[in-house]
Amino acid sequence: MAKRVKPPILGPKGKSRVLLKKGPGARALQNGPTLNRLTVLWVNGNGVPFDTTGFNAALYRGNTLVQTARFDRYGVVFFSNVPTITTVSYTVQLYNNAGIIYRTRTIPAEVEAFAVIG
């Protein structure tokens, strides 16, 4: 099993992935979303979650703060106020307890889960 490490400070550029996106064909097979709240994962390039103890996330719609939430120690944060499948795009900022922003990513509309890579 790979050892989880704390995420490095890199800045705004990097990779990200939409993990669960429901297209027209997928909706015909399932009545609702798999995840009922927007979920963000923070992983390294190999897909191993970072140890995100002490990290937080802020979710924005434009310049308006929608919600803040704490990461668990397994690289996962969910936003309890944001139902899925999302209908609008969001910006998520990942930061530590000291307020240092590690990553800023745009989450597109029509997703349930989003991964920040790196």
C-alpha atoms as a PDB file:
ATOM      1  CA  MET A   1       0.000   0.000   0.000  1.00  0.00           C
ATOM      2  CA  ALA A   2       1.339   3.439  -0.908  1.00  0.00           C
ATOM      3  CA  LYS A   3       2.163   5.809   1.915  1.00  0.00           C
ATOM      4  CA  ARG A   4       0.035   8.934   2.043  1.00  0.00           C
ATOM      5  CA  VAL A   5       1.951  12.190   2.326  1.00  0.00           C
ATOM      6  CA  LYS A   6       1.023  15.825   2.861  1.00  0.00           C
ATOM      7  CA  PRO A   7       0.393  17.736  -0.397  1.00  0.00           C
ATOM      8  CA  PRO A   8       3.197  19.996  -1.650  1.00  0.00           C
ATOM      9  CA  ILE A   9       2.689  23.705  -2.263  1.00  0.00           C
ATOM     10  CA  LEU A  10       2.632  24.160  -6.059  1.00  0.00           C
ATOM     11  CA  GLY A  11       0.390  27.098  -6.889  1.00  0.00           C
ATOM     12  CA  PRO A  12      -2.620  27.465  -9.158  1.00  0.00           C
ATOM     13  CA  LYS A  13      -1.548  25.329 -12.140  1.00  0.00           C
ATOM     14  CA  GLY A  14      -1.995  21.595 -12.114  1.00  0.00           C
ATOM     15  CA  LYS A  15      -4.241  18.750 -13.086  1.00  0.00           C
ATOM     16  CA  SER A  16      -7.760  17.823 -12.087  1.00  0.00           C
ATOM     17  CA  ARG A  17     -10.403  15.317 -13.145  1.00  0.00           C
ATOM     18  CA  VAL A  18     -14.146  15.005 -13.116  1.00  0.00           C
ATOM     19  CA  LEU A  19     -14.801  11.662 -11.464  1.00  0.00           C
ATOM     20  CA  LEU A  20     -18.545  11.271 -11.820  1.00  0.00           C
ATOM     21  CA  LYS A  21     -20.316  13.075 -14.615  1.00  0.00           C
ATOM     22  CA  LYS A  22     -23.786  12.094 -15.625  1.00  0.00           C
ATOM     23  CA  GLY A  23     -24.517  12.282 -19.330  1.00  0.00           C
ATOM     24  CA  PRO A  24     -27.852  11.747 -21.059  1.00  0.00           C
ATOM     25  CA  GLY A  25     -27.337   7.972 -21.369  1.00  0.00           C
ATOM     26  CA  ALA A  26     -26.365   7.532 -17.720  1.00  0.00           C
ATOM     27  CA  ARG A  27     -29.514   9.234 -16.471  1.00  0.00           C
ATOM     28  CA  ALA A  28     -31.671   6.668 -18.251  1.00  0.00           C
ATOM     29  CA  LEU A  29     -30.084   3.875 -16.178  1.00  0.00           C
ATOM     30  CA  GLN A  30     -30.221   5.626 -12.824  1.00  0.00           C
ATOM     31  CA  ASN A  31     -32.905   7.818 -11.269  1.00  0.00           C
ATOM     32  CA  GLY A  32     -30.601   9.989  -9.174  1.00  0.00           C
ATOM     33  CA  PRO A  33     -26.985  10.747  -8.434  1.00  0.00           C
ATOM     34  CA  THR A  34     -24.615   8.187  -6.945  1.00  0.00           C
ATOM     35  CA  LEU A  35     -23.305  10.783  -4.494  1.00  0.00           C
ATOM     36  CA  ASN A  36     -25.899  13.175  -3.116  1.00  0.00           C
ATOM     37  CA  ARG A  37     -23.468  15.976  -2.180  1.00  0.00           C
ATOM     38  CA  LEU A  38     -20.539  17.494  -4.097  1.00  0.00           C
ATOM     39  CA  THR A  39     -17.388  15.553  -3.194  1.00  0.00           C
ATOM     40  CA  VAL A  40     -13.791  16.651  -3.855  1.00  0.00           C
ATOM     41  CA  LEU A  41     -10.784  14.337  -3.588  1.00  0.00           C
ATOM     42  CA  TRP A  42      -7.157  15.487  -3.409  1.00  0.00           C
ATOM     43  CA  VAL A  43      -4.745  12.882  -4.766  1.00  0.00           C
ATOM     44  CA  ASN A  44      -1.190  12.631  -6.054  1.00  0.00           C
ATOM     45  CA  GLY A  45      -0.328  11.769  -9.652  1.00  0.00           C
ATOM     46  CA  ASN A  46      -0.700   8.043  -8.924  1.00  0.00           C
ATOM     47  CA  GLY A  47      -4.199   8.485  -7.483  1.00  0.00           C
ATOM     48  CA  VAL A  48      -3.132   7.990  -3.867  1.00  0.00           C
ATOM     49  CA  PRO A  49      -4.979  10.408  -1.554  1.00  0.00           C
ATOM     50  CA  PHE A  50      -2.894  12.918   0.350  1.00  0.00           C
ATOM     51  CA  ASP A  51      -2.960  12.996   4.147  1.00  0.00           C
ATOM     52  CA  THR A  52      -5.142  16.099   4.359  1.00  0.00           C
ATOM     53  CA  THR A  53      -5.358  16.398   8.132  1.00  0.00           C
ATOM     54  CA  GLY A  54      -5.558  20.123   8.880  1.00  0.00           C
ATOM     55  CA  PHE A  55      -6.664  21.127   5.375  1.00  0.00           C
ATOM     56  CA  ASN A  56      -9.847  22.916   4.374  1.00  0.00           C
ATOM     57  CA  ALA A  57     -11.698  23.808   1.194  1.00  0.00           C
ATOM     58  CA  ALA A  58     -13.739  26.842   0.192  1.00  0.00           C
ATOM     59  CA  LEU A  59     -16.301  26.605  -2.584  1.00  0.00           C
ATOM     60  CA  TYR A  60     -17.186  29.707  -4.608  1.00  0.00           C
ATOM     61  CA  ARG A  61     -19.784  30.518  -7.242  1.00  0.00           C
ATOM     62  CA  GLY A  62     -18.216  33.509  -8.965  1.00  0.00           C
ATOM     63  CA  ASN A  63     -17.064  35.760  -6.105  1.00  0.00           C
ATOM     64  CA  THR A  64     -19.662  34.458  -3.651  1.00  0.00           C
ATOM     65  CA  LEU A  65     -18.578  31.996  -0.974  1.00  0.00           C
ATOM     66  CA  VAL A  66     -20.974  29.038  -1.034  1.00  0.00           C
ATOM     67  CA  GLN A  67     -19.488  26.909   1.739  1.00  0.00           C
ATOM     68  CA  THR A  68     -16.303  25.954   3.547  1.00  0.00           C
ATOM     69  CA  ALA A  69     -15.575  22.416   4.736  1.00  0.00           C
ATOM     70  CA  ARG A  70     -12.760  20.423   6.322  1.00  0.00           C
ATOM     71  CA  PHE A  71     -10.947  17.603   4.611  1.00  0.00           C
ATOM     72  CA  ASP A  72     -10.870  14.262   6.364  1.00  0.00           C
ATOM     73  CA  ARG A  73      -7.456  12.637   6.717  1.00  0.00           C
ATOM     74  CA  TYR A  74      -8.038  10.556   3.559  1.00  0.00           C
ATOM     75  CA  GLY A  75      -8.066  13.401   1.026  1.00  0.00           C
ATOM     76  CA  VAL A  76     -11.862  13.789   0.866  1.00  0.00           C
ATOM     77  CA  VAL A  77     -14.061  16.812   1.476  1.00  0.00           C
ATOM     78  CA  PHE A  78     -17.757  17.039   0.767  1.00  0.00           C
ATOM     79  CA  PHE A  79     -19.951  20.102   0.602  1.00  0.00           C
ATOM     80  CA  SER A  80     -23.195  19.357   2.439  1.00  0.00           C
ATOM     81  CA  ASN A  81     -24.960  22.428   1.008  1.00  0.00           C
ATOM     82  CA  VAL A  82     -24.322  21.510  -2.648  1.00  0.00           C
ATOM     83  CA  PRO A  83     -26.591  18.780  -4.020  1.00  0.00           C
ATOM     84  CA  THR A  84     -25.587  16.790  -7.070  1.00  0.00           C
ATOM     85  CA  ILE A  85     -25.737  16.597 -10.000  1.00  0.00           C
ATOM     86  CA  THR A  86     -24.424  20.182 -10.006  1.00  0.00           C
ATOM     87  CA  THR A  87     -26.099  22.626 -12.368  1.00  0.00           C
ATOM     88  CA  VAL A  88     -23.454  25.366 -12.334  1.00  0.00           C
ATOM     89  CA  SER A  89     -19.664  25.545 -12.239  1.00  0.00           C
ATOM     90  CA  TYR A  90     -17.807  26.292  -9.010  1.00  0.00           C
ATOM     91  CA  THR A  91     -14.314  27.312  -7.961  1.00  0.00           C
ATOM     92  CA  VAL A  92     -12.729  25.388  -5.115  1.00  0.00           C
ATOM     93  CA  GLN A  93      -9.736  26.592  -3.078  1.00  0.00           C
ATOM     94  CA  LEU A  94      -7.748  24.127  -0.978  1.00  0.00           C
ATOM     95  CA  TYR A  95      -5.860  25.613   1.957  1.00  0.00           C
ATOM     96  CA  ASN A  96      -4.245  24.682   5.257  1.00  0.00           C
ATOM     97  CA  ASN A  97      -5.090  25.855   8.794  1.00  0.00           C
ATOM     98  CA  ALA A  98      -2.709  28.805   8.404  1.00  0.00           C
ATOM     99  CA  GLY A  99      -4.762  30.037   5.432  1.00  0.00           C
ATOM    100  CA  ILE A 100      -2.122  29.276   2.798  1.00  0.00           C
ATOM    101  CA  ILE A 101      -3.882  28.407  -0.464  1.00  0.00           C
ATOM    102  CA  TYR A 102      -2.392  25.282  -2.041  1.00  0.00           C
ATOM    103  CA  ARG A 103      -4.682  24.820  -5.052  1.00  0.00           C
ATOM    104  CA  THR A 104      -7.493  26.627  -6.868  1.00  0.00           C
ATOM    105  CA  ARG A 105      -9.539  24.684  -9.417  1.00  0.00           C
ATOM    106  CA  THR A 106     -12.718  25.159 -11.435  1.00  0.00           C
ATOM    107  CA  ILE A 107     -15.337  22.428 -11.077  1.00  0.00           C
ATOM    108  CA  PRO A 108     -17.583  22.209 -14.153  1.00  0.00           C
ATOM    109  CA  ALA A 109     -21.357  21.801 -14.048  1.00  0.00           C
ATOM    110  CA  GLU A 110     -23.053  18.379 -14.136  1.00  0.00           C
ATOM    111  CA  VAL A 111     -20.689  16.520 -11.807  1.00  0.00           C
ATOM    112  CA  GLU A 112     -20.948  14.621  -8.541  1.00  0.00           C
ATOM    113  CA  ALA A 113     -17.266  14.239  -7.674  1.00  0.00           C
ATOM    114  CA  PHE A 114     -14.080  16.043  -8.646  1.00  0.00           C
ATOM    115  CA  ALA A 115     -10.414  15.123  -8.111  1.00  0.00           C
ATOM    116  CA  VAL A 116      -7.603  17.594  -7.684  1.00  0.00           C
ATOM    117  CA  ILE A 117      -4.426  15.880  -8.819  1.00  0.00           C
ATOM    118  CA  GLY A 118      -1.114  16.993  -7.342  1.00  0.00           C
END
